[in-house]
Amino acid sequence: MKTRMMTLMVVMMIFSLPALASPPSKVELSWDVASKTLTVAVPHYSINPKGHFIKSVKVTVDGKEVALKEFTSQENTQGQTVKLPLPDAKPGQTVTATATCNLFGAGEGKLVIPQP
């Protein structure tokens, strides 16, 4: 009986992890024209940024991957921010950033590189 109860508790914990985890609420992109630098801000609340965090941010330009940043913790309880120089980016190109939570879900944001 104890073994069944323990097994049931473990199964319930495993299936409840996605309910406790939250995907990135949004992925905000901004572009600095002068320095050709992309800033990706990912609001992602976590009371334990070492155990529940943004594990990666992937950036593509017109569908081609140009950067993949991976993390083992989140910089603070509110989210993760990444700054990436993209010296080859040109006006009119579409930049997409995908942020993935280490426990559950992902979010995506897009930005069209503006004219200088």
PDB file of N, CA and C in Angstrom:
ATOM      1  N   MET A   1       0.819  -1.194   0.000  1.00  0.00           N
ATOM      2  CA  MET A   1       0.000   0.000   0.000  1.00  0.00           C
ATOM      3  C   MET A   1       0.870   1.269   0.000  1.00  0.00           C
ATOM      4  N   LYS A   2       1.957   1.264   0.796  1.00  0.00           N
ATOM      5  CA  LYS A   2       2.843   2.420   0.825  1.00  0.00           C
ATOM      6  C   LYS A   2       3.509   2.637  -0.533  1.00  0.00           C
ATOM      7  N   THR A   3       3.863   1.541  -1.188  1.00  0.00           N
ATOM      8  CA  THR A   3       4.515   1.635  -2.491  1.00  0.00           C
ATOM      9  C   THR A   3       3.573   2.260  -3.510  1.00  0.00           C
ATOM     10  N   ARG A   4       2.307   1.874  -3.498  1.00  0.00           N
ATOM     11  CA  ARG A   4       1.334   2.441  -4.432  1.00  0.00           C
ATOM     12  C   ARG A   4       1.127   3.925  -4.167  1.00  0.00           C
ATOM     13  N   MET A   5       1.045   4.269  -2.908  1.00  0.00           N
ATOM     14  CA  MET A   5       0.842   5.669  -2.549  1.00  0.00           C
ATOM     15  C   MET A   5       2.047   6.512  -2.992  1.00  0.00           C
ATOM     16  N   MET A   6       3.234   5.990  -2.756  1.00  0.00           N
ATOM     17  CA  MET A   6       4.445   6.704  -3.148  1.00  0.00           C
ATOM     18  C   MET A   6       4.514   6.840  -4.669  1.00  0.00           C
ATOM     19  N   THR A   7       4.187   5.781  -5.387  1.00  0.00           N
ATOM     20  CA  THR A   7       4.185   5.819  -6.850  1.00  0.00           C
ATOM     21  C   THR A   7       3.179   6.849  -7.350  1.00  0.00           C
ATOM     22  N   LEU A   8       2.002   6.872  -6.763  1.00  0.00           N
ATOM     23  CA  LEU A   8       0.973   7.831  -7.152  1.00  0.00           C
ATOM     24  C   LEU A   8       1.453   9.264  -6.908  1.00  0.00           C
ATOM     25  N   MET A   9       2.108   9.501  -5.798  1.00  0.00           N
ATOM     26  CA  MET A   9       2.613  10.843  -5.497  1.00  0.00           C
ATOM     27  C   MET A   9       3.678  11.280  -6.509  1.00  0.00           C
ATOM     28  N   VAL A  10       4.574  10.365  -6.860  1.00  0.00           N
ATOM     29  CA  VAL A  10       5.617  10.685  -7.833  1.00  0.00           C
ATOM     30  C   VAL A  10       4.996  11.005  -9.190  1.00  0.00           C
ATOM     31  N   VAL A  11       4.049  10.206  -9.616  1.00  0.00           N
ATOM     32  CA  VAL A  11       3.380  10.435 -10.904  1.00  0.00           C
ATOM     33  C   VAL A  11       2.664  11.784 -10.894  1.00  0.00           C
ATOM     34  N   MET A  12       1.999  12.089  -9.804  1.00  0.00           N
ATOM     35  CA  MET A  12       1.292  13.375  -9.708  1.00  0.00           C
ATOM     36  C   MET A  12       2.268  14.547  -9.765  1.00  0.00           C
ATOM     37  N   MET A  13       3.417  14.409  -9.128  1.00  0.00           N
ATOM     38  CA  MET A  13       4.417  15.476  -9.163  1.00  0.00           C
ATOM     39  C   MET A  13       4.953  15.686 -10.566  1.00  0.00           C
ATOM     40  N   ILE A  14       5.223  14.598 -11.257  1.00  0.00           N
ATOM     41  CA  ILE A  14       5.752  14.694 -12.615  1.00  0.00           C
ATOM     42  C   ILE A  14       4.768  15.404 -13.531  1.00  0.00           C
ATOM     43  N   PHE A  15       3.491  15.039 -13.440  1.00  0.00           N
ATOM     44  CA  PHE A  15       2.494  15.641 -14.317  1.00  0.00           C
ATOM     45  C   PHE A  15       2.115  17.050 -13.900  1.00  0.00           C
ATOM     46  N   SER A  16       2.423  17.455 -12.691  1.00  0.00           N
ATOM     47  CA  SER A  16       2.091  18.808 -12.251  1.00  0.00           C
ATOM     48  C   SER A  16       3.192  19.812 -12.569  1.00  0.00           C
ATOM     49  N   LEU A  17       4.393  19.359 -12.953  1.00  0.00           N
ATOM     50  CA  LEU A  17       5.486  20.282 -13.260  1.00  0.00           C
ATOM     51  C   LEU A  17       5.105  21.324 -14.308  1.00  0.00           C
ATOM     52  N   PRO A  18       4.473  20.947 -15.424  1.00  0.00           N
ATOM     53  CA  PRO A  18       4.101  21.974 -16.391  1.00  0.00           C
ATOM     54  C   PRO A  18       3.137  23.008 -15.812  1.00  0.00           C
ATOM     55  N   ALA A  19       2.306  22.620 -14.874  1.00  0.00           N
ATOM     56  CA  ALA A  19       1.382  23.564 -14.258  1.00  0.00           C
ATOM     57  C   ALA A  19       2.134  24.572 -13.394  1.00  0.00           C
ATOM     58  N   LEU A  20       3.236  24.155 -12.784  1.00  0.00           N
ATOM     59  CA  LEU A  20       4.035  25.045 -11.950  1.00  0.00           C
ATOM     60  C   LEU A  20       4.955  25.917 -12.797  1.00  0.00           C
ATOM     61  N   ALA A  21       5.331  25.440 -13.948  1.00  0.00           N
ATOM     62  CA  ALA A  21       6.228  26.183 -14.825  1.00  0.00           C
ATOM     63  C   ALA A  21       5.425  27.156 -15.667  1.00  0.00           C
ATOM     64  N   SER A  22       6.081  28.187 -16.114  1.00  0.00           N
ATOM     65  CA  SER A  22       5.411  29.144 -16.981  1.00  0.00           C
ATOM     66  C   SER A  22       6.295  29.407 -18.182  1.00  0.00           C
ATOM     67  N   PRO A  23       5.687  29.431 -19.358  1.00  0.00           N
ATOM     68  CA  PRO A  23       6.475  29.774 -20.539  1.00  0.00           C
ATOM     69  C   PRO A  23       6.786  31.264 -20.501  1.00  0.00           C
ATOM     70  N   PRO A  24       7.719  31.718 -21.305  1.00  0.00           N
ATOM     71  CA  PRO A  24       7.987  33.154 -21.375  1.00  0.00           C
ATOM     72  C   PRO A  24       6.705  33.904 -21.726  1.00  0.00           C
ATOM     73  N   SER A  25       6.394  34.964 -20.980  1.00  0.00           N
ATOM     74  CA  SER A  25       5.138  35.675 -21.215  1.00  0.00           C
ATOM     75  C   SER A  25       5.138  36.412 -22.549  1.00  0.00           C
ATOM     76  N   LYS A  26       6.299  36.909 -22.952  1.00  0.00           N
ATOM     77  CA  LYS A  26       6.465  37.526 -24.271  1.00  0.00           C
ATOM     78  C   LYS A  26       7.954  37.663 -24.526  1.00  0.00           C
ATOM     79  N   VAL A  27       8.293  37.955 -25.738  1.00  0.00           N
ATOM     80  CA  VAL A  27       9.688  38.168 -26.117  1.00  0.00           C
ATOM     81  C   VAL A  27       9.732  39.531 -26.805  1.00  0.00           C
ATOM     82  N   GLU A  28      10.417  40.470 -26.165  1.00  0.00           N
ATOM     83  CA  GLU A  28      10.449  41.852 -26.638  1.00  0.00           C
ATOM     84  C   GLU A  28      11.791  42.133 -27.316  1.00  0.00           C
ATOM     85  N   LEU A  29      11.746  42.593 -28.565  1.00  0.00           N
ATOM     86  CA  LEU A  29      12.959  42.899 -29.312  1.00  0.00           C
ATOM     87  C   LEU A  29      13.067  44.397 -29.532  1.00  0.00           C
ATOM     88  N   SER A  30      14.275  44.920 -29.376  1.00  0.00           N
ATOM     89  CA  SER A  30      14.535  46.318 -29.720  1.00  0.00           C
ATOM     90  C   SER A  30      15.865  46.389 -30.450  1.00  0.00           C
ATOM     91  N   TRP A  31      16.007  47.420 -31.277  1.00  0.00           N
ATOM     92  CA  TRP A  31      17.167  47.537 -32.148  1.00  0.00           C
ATOM     93  C   TRP A  31      17.830  48.898 -31.944  1.00  0.00           C
ATOM     94  N   ASP A  32      19.128  48.882 -31.732  1.00  0.00           N
ATOM     95  CA  ASP A  32      19.904  50.111 -31.662  1.00  0.00           C
ATOM     96  C   ASP A  32      20.558  50.311 -33.024  1.00  0.00           C
ATOM     97  N   VAL A  33      20.081  51.313 -33.757  1.00  0.00           N
ATOM     98  CA  VAL A  33      20.545  51.545 -35.125  1.00  0.00           C
ATOM     99  C   VAL A  33      22.034  51.881 -35.150  1.00  0.00           C
ATOM    100  N   ALA A  34      22.475  52.733 -34.243  1.00  0.00           N
ATOM    101  CA  ALA A  34      23.871  53.198 -34.252  1.00  0.00           C
ATOM    102  C   ALA A  34      24.864  52.063 -34.032  1.00  0.00           C
ATOM    103  N   SER A  35      24.582  51.177 -33.066  1.00  0.00           N
ATOM    104  CA  SER A  35      25.533  50.106 -32.756  1.00  0.00           C
ATOM    105  C   SER A  35      25.203  48.784 -33.436  1.00  0.00           C
ATOM    106  N   LYS A  36      24.054  48.748 -34.167  1.00  0.00           N
ATOM    107  CA  LYS A  36      23.576  47.510 -34.801  1.00  0.00           C
ATOM    108  C   LYS A  36      23.516  46.385 -33.766  1.00  0.00           C
ATOM    109  N   THR A  37      22.877  46.707 -32.633  1.00  0.00           N
ATOM    110  CA  THR A  37      22.757  45.751 -31.539  1.00  0.00           C
ATOM    111  C   THR A  37      21.288  45.444 -31.271  1.00  0.00           C
ATOM    112  N   LEU A  38      21.000  44.156 -31.182  1.00  0.00           N
ATOM    113  CA  LEU A  38      19.663  43.675 -30.847  1.00  0.00           C
ATOM    114  C   LEU A  38      19.606  43.418 -29.350  1.00  0.00           C
ATOM    115  N   THR A  39      18.539  43.880 -28.719  1.00  0.00           N
ATOM    116  CA  THR A  39      18.287  43.549 -27.323  1.00  0.00           C
ATOM    117  C   THR A  39      17.033  42.683 -27.275  1.00  0.00           C
ATOM    118  N   VAL A  40      17.144  41.533 -26.625  1.00  0.00           N
ATOM    119  CA  VAL A  40      16.019  40.624 -26.452  1.00  0.00           C
ATOM    120  C   VAL A  40      15.706  40.587 -24.959  1.00  0.00           C
ATOM    121  N   ALA A  41      14.529  41.068 -24.595  1.00  0.00           N
ATOM    122  CA  ALA A  41      14.087  41.052 -23.198  1.00  0.00           C
ATOM    123  C   ALA A  41      12.976  40.013 -23.069  1.00  0.00           C
ATOM    124  N   VAL A  42      13.148  39.100 -22.118  1.00  0.00           N
ATOM    125  CA  VAL A  42      12.186  38.012 -21.933  1.00  0.00           C
ATOM    126  C   VAL A  42      11.638  38.066 -20.515  1.00  0.00           C
ATOM    127  N   PRO A  43      10.466  38.698 -20.322  1.00  0.00           N
ATOM    128  CA  PRO A  43       9.852  38.658 -19.002  1.00  0.00           C
ATOM    129  C   PRO A  43       9.469  37.210 -18.678  1.00  0.00           C
ATOM    130  N   HIS A  44       9.912  36.726 -17.533  1.00  0.00           N
ATOM    131  CA  HIS A  44       9.663  35.326 -17.160  1.00  0.00           C
ATOM    132  C   HIS A  44       9.822  35.220 -15.652  1.00  0.00           C
ATOM    133  N   TYR A  45       8.710  35.359 -14.929  1.00  0.00           N
ATOM    134  CA  TYR A  45       8.775  35.358 -13.476  1.00  0.00           C
ATOM    135  C   TYR A  45       9.103  33.967 -12.943  1.00  0.00           C
ATOM    136  N   SER A  46      10.040  33.927 -12.000  1.00  0.00           N
ATOM    137  CA  SER A  46      10.416  32.674 -11.359  1.00  0.00           C
ATOM    138  C   SER A  46      10.883  32.975  -9.937  1.00  0.00           C
ATOM    139  N   ILE A  47      10.320  32.277  -8.962  1.00  0.00           N
ATOM    140  CA  ILE A  47      10.789  32.483  -7.587  1.00  0.00           C
ATOM    141  C   ILE A  47      12.116  31.776  -7.352  1.00  0.00           C
ATOM    142  N   ASN A  48      12.485  30.880  -8.266  1.00  0.00           N
ATOM    143  CA  ASN A  48      13.739  30.144  -8.155  1.00  0.00           C
ATOM    144  C   ASN A  48      14.487  30.212  -9.493  1.00  0.00           C
ATOM    145  N   PRO A  49      15.193  31.324  -9.774  1.00  0.00           N
ATOM    146  CA  PRO A  49      15.825  31.471 -11.082  1.00  0.00           C
ATOM    147  C   PRO A  49      16.982  30.513 -11.353  1.00  0.00           C
ATOM    148  N   LYS A  50      17.386  29.722 -10.364  1.00  0.00           N
ATOM    149  CA  LYS A  50      18.404  28.696 -10.608  1.00  0.00           C
ATOM    150  C   LYS A  50      17.759  27.358 -11.002  1.00  0.00           C
ATOM    151  N   GLY A  51      16.480  27.181 -10.679  1.00  0.00           N
ATOM    152  CA  GLY A  51      15.788  25.934 -10.984  1.00  0.00           C
ATOM    153  C   GLY A  51      14.732  26.050 -12.067  1.00  0.00           C
ATOM    154  N   HIS A  52      14.232  27.264 -12.298  1.00  0.00           N
ATOM    155  CA  HIS A  52      13.202  27.517 -13.307  1.00  0.00           C
ATOM    156  C   HIS A  52      13.626  28.788 -14.034  1.00  0.00           C
ATOM    157  N   PHE A  53      14.062  28.639 -15.279  1.00  0.00           N
ATOM    158  CA  PHE A  53      14.712  29.759 -15.953  1.00  0.00           C
ATOM    159  C   PHE A  53      14.562  29.671 -17.465  1.00  0.00           C
ATOM    160  N   ILE A  54      14.929  30.763 -18.125  1.00  0.00           N
ATOM    161  CA  ILE A  54      15.023  30.760 -19.585  1.00  0.00           C
ATOM    162  C   ILE A  54      16.303  30.011 -19.929  1.00  0.00           C
ATOM    163  N   LYS A  55      16.161  28.865 -20.585  1.00  0.00           N
ATOM    164  CA  LYS A  55      17.348  28.046 -20.868  1.00  0.00           C
ATOM    165  C   LYS A  55      18.033  28.438 -22.177  1.00  0.00           C
ATOM    166  N   SER A  56      17.294  29.047 -23.105  1.00  0.00           N
ATOM    167  CA  SER A  56      17.946  29.444 -24.348  1.00  0.00           C
ATOM    168  C   SER A  56      17.183  30.563 -25.041  1.00  0.00           C
ATOM    169  N   VAL A  57      17.944  31.332 -25.802  1.00  0.00           N
ATOM    170  CA  VAL A  57      17.382  32.349 -26.693  1.00  0.00           C
ATOM    171  C   VAL A  57      18.046  32.137 -28.051  1.00  0.00           C
ATOM    172  N   LYS A  58      17.223  31.812 -29.041  1.00  0.00           N
ATOM    173  CA  LYS A  58      17.723  31.598 -30.405  1.00  0.00           C
ATOM    174  C   LYS A  58      17.280  32.779 -31.264  1.00  0.00           C
ATOM    175  N   VAL A  59      18.219  33.303 -32.053  1.00  0.00           N
ATOM    176  CA  VAL A  59      17.930  34.449 -32.911  1.00  0.00           C
ATOM    177  C   VAL A  59      18.170  34.056 -34.362  1.00  0.00           C
ATOM    178  N   THR A  60      17.204  34.377 -35.210  1.00  0.00           N
ATOM    179  CA  THR A  60      17.339  34.150 -36.652  1.00  0.00           C
ATOM    180  C   THR A  60      17.139  35.479 -37.379  1.00  0.00           C
ATOM    181  N   VAL A  61      17.792  35.608 -38.514  1.00  0.00           N
ATOM    182  CA  VAL A  61      17.592  36.753 -39.403  1.00  0.00           C
ATOM    183  C   VAL A  61      17.135  36.184 -40.733  1.00  0.00           C
ATOM    184  N   ASP A  62      15.918  36.555 -41.122  1.00  0.00           N
ATOM    185  CA  ASP A  62      15.302  36.016 -42.341  1.00  0.00           C
ATOM    186  C   ASP A  62      15.359  34.490 -42.372  1.00  0.00           C
ATOM    187  N   GLY A  63      15.126  33.869 -41.219  1.00  0.00           N
ATOM    188  CA  GLY A  63      15.051  32.415 -41.126  1.00  0.00           C
ATOM    189  C   GLY A  63      16.360  31.700 -40.900  1.00  0.00           C
ATOM    190  N   LYS A  64      17.487  32.403 -40.971  1.00  0.00           N
ATOM    191  CA  LYS A  64      18.795  31.781 -40.779  1.00  0.00           C
ATOM    192  C   LYS A  64      19.274  32.043 -39.350  1.00  0.00           C
ATOM    193  N   GLU A  65      19.617  30.976 -38.639  1.00  0.00           N
ATOM    194  CA  GLU A  65      20.074  31.125 -37.262  1.00  0.00           C
ATOM    195  C   GLU A  65      21.404  31.878 -37.222  1.00  0.00           C
ATOM    196  N   VAL A  66      21.440  32.938 -36.395  1.00  0.00           N
ATOM    197  CA  VAL A  66      22.659  33.740 -36.266  1.00  0.00           C
ATOM    198  C   VAL A  66      23.217  33.712 -34.849  1.00  0.00           C
ATOM    199  N   ALA A  67      22.412  33.271 -33.886  1.00  0.00           N
ATOM    200  CA  ALA A  67      22.899  33.206 -32.508  1.00  0.00           C
ATOM    201  C   ALA A  67      22.040  32.244 -31.695  1.00  0.00           C
ATOM    202  N   LEU A  68      22.696  31.564 -30.762  1.00  0.00           N
ATOM    203  CA  LEU A  68      22.016  30.720 -29.789  1.00  0.00           C
ATOM    204  C   LEU A  68      22.726  30.921 -28.461  1.00  0.00           C
ATOM    205  N   LYS A  69      22.020  31.530 -27.525  1.00  0.00           N
ATOM    206  CA  LYS A  69      22.564  31.750 -26.188  1.00  0.00           C
ATOM    207  C   LYS A  69      21.883  30.761 -25.248  1.00  0.00           C
ATOM    208  N   GLU A  70      22.685  30.022 -24.496  1.00  0.00           N
ATOM    209  CA  GLU A  70      22.152  29.032 -23.560  1.00  0.00           C
ATOM    210  C   GLU A  70      22.536  29.434 -22.144  1.00  0.00           C
ATOM    211  N   PHE A  71      21.640  29.155 -21.204  1.00  0.00           N
ATOM    212  CA  PHE A  71      21.813  29.576 -19.820  1.00  0.00           C
ATOM    213  C   PHE A  71      21.581  28.405 -18.870  1.00  0.00           C
ATOM    214  N   THR A  72      22.204  28.479 -17.701  1.00  0.00           N
ATOM    215  CA  THR A  72      21.993  27.471 -16.653  1.00  0.00           C
ATOM    216  C   THR A  72      21.234  28.067 -15.479  1.00  0.00           C
ATOM    217  N   SER A  73      20.918  29.345 -15.556  1.00  0.00           N
ATOM    218  CA  SER A  73      20.067  30.019 -14.583  1.00  0.00           C
ATOM    219  C   SER A  73      19.597  31.320 -15.224  1.00  0.00           C
ATOM    220  N   GLN A  74      18.658  31.966 -14.535  1.00  0.00           N
ATOM    221  CA  GLN A  74      18.110  33.215 -15.033  1.00  0.00           C
ATOM    222  C   GLN A  74      18.757  34.364 -14.258  1.00  0.00           C
ATOM    223  N   GLU A  75      18.985  35.510 -14.910  1.00  0.00           N
ATOM    224  CA  GLU A  75      19.713  36.601 -14.267  1.00  0.00           C
ATOM    225  C   GLU A  75      19.010  37.189 -13.056  1.00  0.00           C
ATOM    226  N   ASN A  76      17.682  37.085 -12.994  1.00  0.00           N
ATOM    227  CA  ASN A  76      16.932  37.541 -11.821  1.00  0.00           C
ATOM    228  C   ASN A  76      15.549  36.892 -11.832  1.00  0.00           C
ATOM    229  N   THR A  77      14.727  37.215 -10.843  1.00  0.00           N
ATOM    230  CA  THR A  77      13.410  36.582 -10.732  1.00  0.00           C
ATOM    231  C   THR A  77      12.423  37.088 -11.785  1.00  0.00           C
ATOM    232  N   GLN A  78      12.760  38.169 -12.478  1.00  0.00           N
ATOM    233  CA  GLN A  78      11.827  38.783 -13.430  1.00  0.00           C
ATOM    234  C   GLN A  78      12.017  38.356 -14.878  1.00  0.00           C
ATOM    235  N   GLY A  79      13.204  37.828 -15.222  1.00  0.00           N
ATOM    236  CA  GLY A  79      13.403  37.418 -16.605  1.00  0.00           C
ATOM    237  C   GLY A  79      14.850  37.428 -17.031  1.00  0.00           C
ATOM    238  N   GLN A  80      15.052  37.404 -18.339  1.00  0.00           N
ATOM    239  CA  GLN A  80      16.386  37.317 -18.927  1.00  0.00           C
ATOM    240  C   GLN A  80      16.494  38.356 -20.036  1.00  0.00           C
ATOM    241  N   THR A  81      17.657  38.989 -20.137  1.00  0.00           N
ATOM    242  CA  THR A  81      17.913  39.949 -21.207  1.00  0.00           C
ATOM    243  C   THR A  81      19.200  39.561 -21.919  1.00  0.00           C
ATOM    244  N   VAL A  82      19.175  39.660 -23.238  1.00  0.00           N
ATOM    245  CA  VAL A  82      20.337  39.321 -24.056  1.00  0.00           C
ATOM    246  C   VAL A  82      20.596  40.482 -25.012  1.00  0.00           C
ATOM    247  N   LYS A  83      21.849  40.902 -25.122  1.00  0.00           N
ATOM    248  CA  LYS A  83      22.251  41.906 -26.111  1.00  0.00           C
ATOM    249  C   LYS A  83      23.181  41.233 -27.105  1.00  0.00           C
ATOM    250  N   LEU A  84      22.863  41.393 -28.381  1.00  0.00           N
ATOM    251  CA  LEU A  84      23.643  40.746 -29.440  1.00  0.00           C
ATOM    252  C   LEU A  84      23.997  41.734 -30.534  1.00  0.00           C
ATOM    253  N   PRO A  85      25.271  41.927 -30.796  1.00  0.00           N
ATOM    254  CA  PRO A  85      25.629  42.729 -31.968  1.00  0.00           C
ATOM    255  C   PRO A  85      25.324  41.919 -33.238  1.00  0.00           C
ATOM    256  N   LEU A  86      24.667  42.560 -34.175  1.00  0.00           N
ATOM    257  CA  LEU A  86      24.361  41.920 -35.465  1.00  0.00           C
ATOM    258  C   LEU A  86      24.864  42.852 -36.566  1.00  0.00           C
ATOM    259  N   PRO A  87      26.189  42.901 -36.753  1.00  0.00           N
ATOM    260  CA  PRO A  87      26.777  43.876 -37.685  1.00  0.00           C
ATOM    261  C   PRO A  87      26.364  43.682 -39.144  1.00  0.00           C
ATOM    262  N   ASP A  88      25.930  42.479 -39.515  1.00  0.00           N
ATOM    263  CA  ASP A  88      25.561  42.215 -40.900  1.00  0.00           C
ATOM    264  C   ASP A  88      24.071  42.413 -41.181  1.00  0.00           C
ATOM    265  N   ALA A  89      23.290  42.763 -40.154  1.00  0.00           N
ATOM    266  CA  ALA A  89      21.849  42.950 -40.344  1.00  0.00           C
ATOM    267  C   ALA A  89      21.591  44.185 -41.199  1.00  0.00           C
ATOM    268  N   LYS A  90      20.599  44.058 -42.082  1.00  0.00           N
ATOM    269  CA  LYS A  90      20.287  45.141 -43.006  1.00  0.00           C
ATOM    270  C   LYS A  90      18.828  45.568 -42.845  1.00  0.00           C
ATOM    271  N   PRO A  91      18.547  46.842 -43.129  1.00  0.00           N
ATOM    272  CA  PRO A  91      17.171  47.314 -43.040  1.00  0.00           C
ATOM    273  C   PRO A  91      16.223  46.440 -43.860  1.00  0.00           C
ATOM    274  N   GLY A  92      15.072  46.160 -43.290  1.00  0.00           N
ATOM    275  CA  GLY A  92      14.069  45.339 -43.973  1.00  0.00           C
ATOM    276  C   GLY A  92      14.132  43.869 -43.620  1.00  0.00           C
ATOM    277  N   GLN A  93      15.246  43.418 -43.043  1.00  0.00           N
ATOM    278  CA  GLN A  93      15.336  42.008 -42.650  1.00  0.00           C
ATOM    279  C   GLN A  93      14.494  41.771 -41.393  1.00  0.00           C
ATOM    280  N   THR A  94      13.964  40.558 -41.291  1.00  0.00           N
ATOM    281  CA  THR A  94      13.154  40.189 -40.141  1.00  0.00           C
ATOM    282  C   THR A  94      13.987  39.379 -39.152  1.00  0.00           C
ATOM    283  N   VAL A  95      14.029  39.875 -37.925  1.00  0.00           N
ATOM    284  CA  VAL A  95      14.740  39.193 -36.846  1.00  0.00           C
ATOM    285  C   VAL A  95      13.697  38.517 -35.969  1.00  0.00           C
ATOM    286  N   THR A  96      13.924  37.242 -35.672  1.00  0.00           N
ATOM    287  CA  THR A  96      13.032  36.476 -34.800  1.00  0.00           C
ATOM    288  C   THR A  96      13.849  35.943 -33.635  1.00  0.00           C
ATOM    289  N   ALA A  97      13.306  36.097 -32.432  1.00  0.00           N
ATOM    290  CA  ALA A  97      13.948  35.546 -31.239  1.00  0.00           C
ATOM    291  C   ALA A  97      12.976  34.586 -30.582  1.00  0.00           C
ATOM    292  N   THR A  98      13.475  33.398 -30.261  1.00  0.00           N
ATOM    293  CA  THR A  98      12.680  32.379 -29.586  1.00  0.00           C
ATOM    294  C   THR A  98      13.331  32.076 -28.251  1.00  0.00           C
ATOM    295  N   ALA A  99      12.569  32.278 -27.175  1.00  0.00           N
ATOM    296  CA  ALA A  99      13.064  32.004 -25.823  1.00  0.00           C
ATOM    297  C   ALA A  99      12.360  30.762 -25.301  1.00  0.00           C
ATOM    298  N   THR A 100      13.148  29.851 -24.710  1.00  0.00           N
ATOM    299  CA  THR A 100      12.614  28.588 -24.225  1.00  0.00           C
ATOM    300  C   THR A 100      12.851  28.455 -22.728  1.00  0.00           C
ATOM    301  N   CYS A 101      11.792  28.087 -22.001  1.00  0.00           N
ATOM    302  CA  CYS A 101      11.868  27.834 -20.563  1.00  0.00           C
ATOM    303  C   CYS A 101      12.451  26.435 -20.344  1.00  0.00           C
ATOM    304  N   ASN A 102      13.245  26.269 -19.278  1.00  0.00           N
ATOM    305  CA  ASN A 102      13.844  24.960 -19.032  1.00  0.00           C
ATOM    306  C   ASN A 102      12.819  23.919 -18.578  1.00  0.00           C
ATOM    307  N   LEU A 103      11.645  24.356 -18.121  1.00  0.00           N
ATOM    308  CA  LEU A 103      10.630  23.400 -17.670  1.00  0.00           C
ATOM    309  C   LEU A 103       9.472  23.227 -18.643  1.00  0.00           C
ATOM    310  N   PHE A 104       9.028  24.337 -19.251  1.00  0.00           N
ATOM    311  CA  PHE A 104       7.831  24.215 -20.084  1.00  0.00           C
ATOM    312  C   PHE A 104       7.636  25.445 -20.957  1.00  0.00           C
ATOM    313  N   GLY A 105       7.529  25.239 -22.225  1.00  0.00           N
ATOM    314  CA  GLY A 105       7.071  26.274 -23.135  1.00  0.00           C
ATOM    315  C   GLY A 105       8.141  27.172 -23.718  1.00  0.00           C
ATOM    316  N   ALA A 106       7.695  27.939 -24.704  1.00  0.00           N
ATOM    317  CA  ALA A 106       8.564  28.874 -25.407  1.00  0.00           C
ATOM    318  C   ALA A 106       7.731  30.063 -25.858  1.00  0.00           C
ATOM    319  N   GLY A 107       8.429  31.147 -26.164  1.00  0.00           N
ATOM    320  CA  GLY A 107       7.778  32.342 -26.682  1.00  0.00           C
ATOM    321  C   GLY A 107       8.620  32.902 -27.815  1.00  0.00           C
ATOM    322  N   GLU A 108       7.986  33.729 -28.651  1.00  0.00           N
ATOM    323  CA  GLU A 108       8.689  34.253 -29.826  1.00  0.00           C
ATOM    324  C   GLU A 108       8.337  35.711 -30.032  1.00  0.00           C
ATOM    325  N   GLY A 109       9.313  36.454 -30.500  1.00  0.00           N
ATOM    326  CA  GLY A 109       9.096  37.850 -30.864  1.00  0.00           C
ATOM    327  C   GLY A 109       9.776  38.139 -32.185  1.00  0.00           C
ATOM    328  N   LYS A 110       9.250  39.152 -32.905  1.00  0.00           N
ATOM    329  CA  LYS A 110       9.813  39.510 -34.214  1.00  0.00           C
ATOM    330  C   LYS A 110       9.998  41.010 -34.299  1.00  0.00           C
ATOM    331  N   LEU A 111      10.961  41.389 -35.146  1.00  0.00           N
ATOM    332  CA  LEU A 111      11.248  42.787 -35.380  1.00  0.00           C
ATOM    333  C   LEU A 111      11.795  42.914 -36.789  1.00  0.00           C
ATOM    334  N   VAL A 112      11.376  43.945 -37.501  1.00  0.00           N
ATOM    335  CA  VAL A 112      11.932  44.243 -38.824  1.00  0.00           C
ATOM    336  C   VAL A 112      12.987  45.326 -38.605  1.00  0.00           C
ATOM    337  N   ILE A 113      14.204  45.083 -39.102  1.00  0.00           N
ATOM    338  CA  ILE A 113      15.293  46.057 -38.942  1.00  0.00           C
ATOM    339  C   ILE A 113      14.881  47.354 -39.642  1.00  0.00           C
ATOM    340  N   PRO A 114      14.858  48.474 -38.888  1.00  0.00           N
ATOM    341  CA  PRO A 114      14.428  49.738 -39.483  1.00  0.00           C
ATOM    342  C   PRO A 114      15.524  50.409 -40.312  1.00  0.00           C
ATOM    343  N   GLN A 115      15.102  51.356 -41.114  1.00  0.00           N
ATOM    344  CA  GLN A 115      16.057  52.188 -41.862  1.00  0.00           C
ATOM    345  C   GLN A 115      16.821  53.054 -40.864  1.00  0.00           C
ATOM    346  N   PRO A 116      18.091  53.336 -41.135  1.00  0.00           N
ATOM    347  CA  PRO A 116      18.844  54.215 -40.222  1.00  0.00           C
ATOM    348  C   PRO A 116      18.344  55.652 -40.263  1.00  0.00           C
TER     349      PRO A 116
END
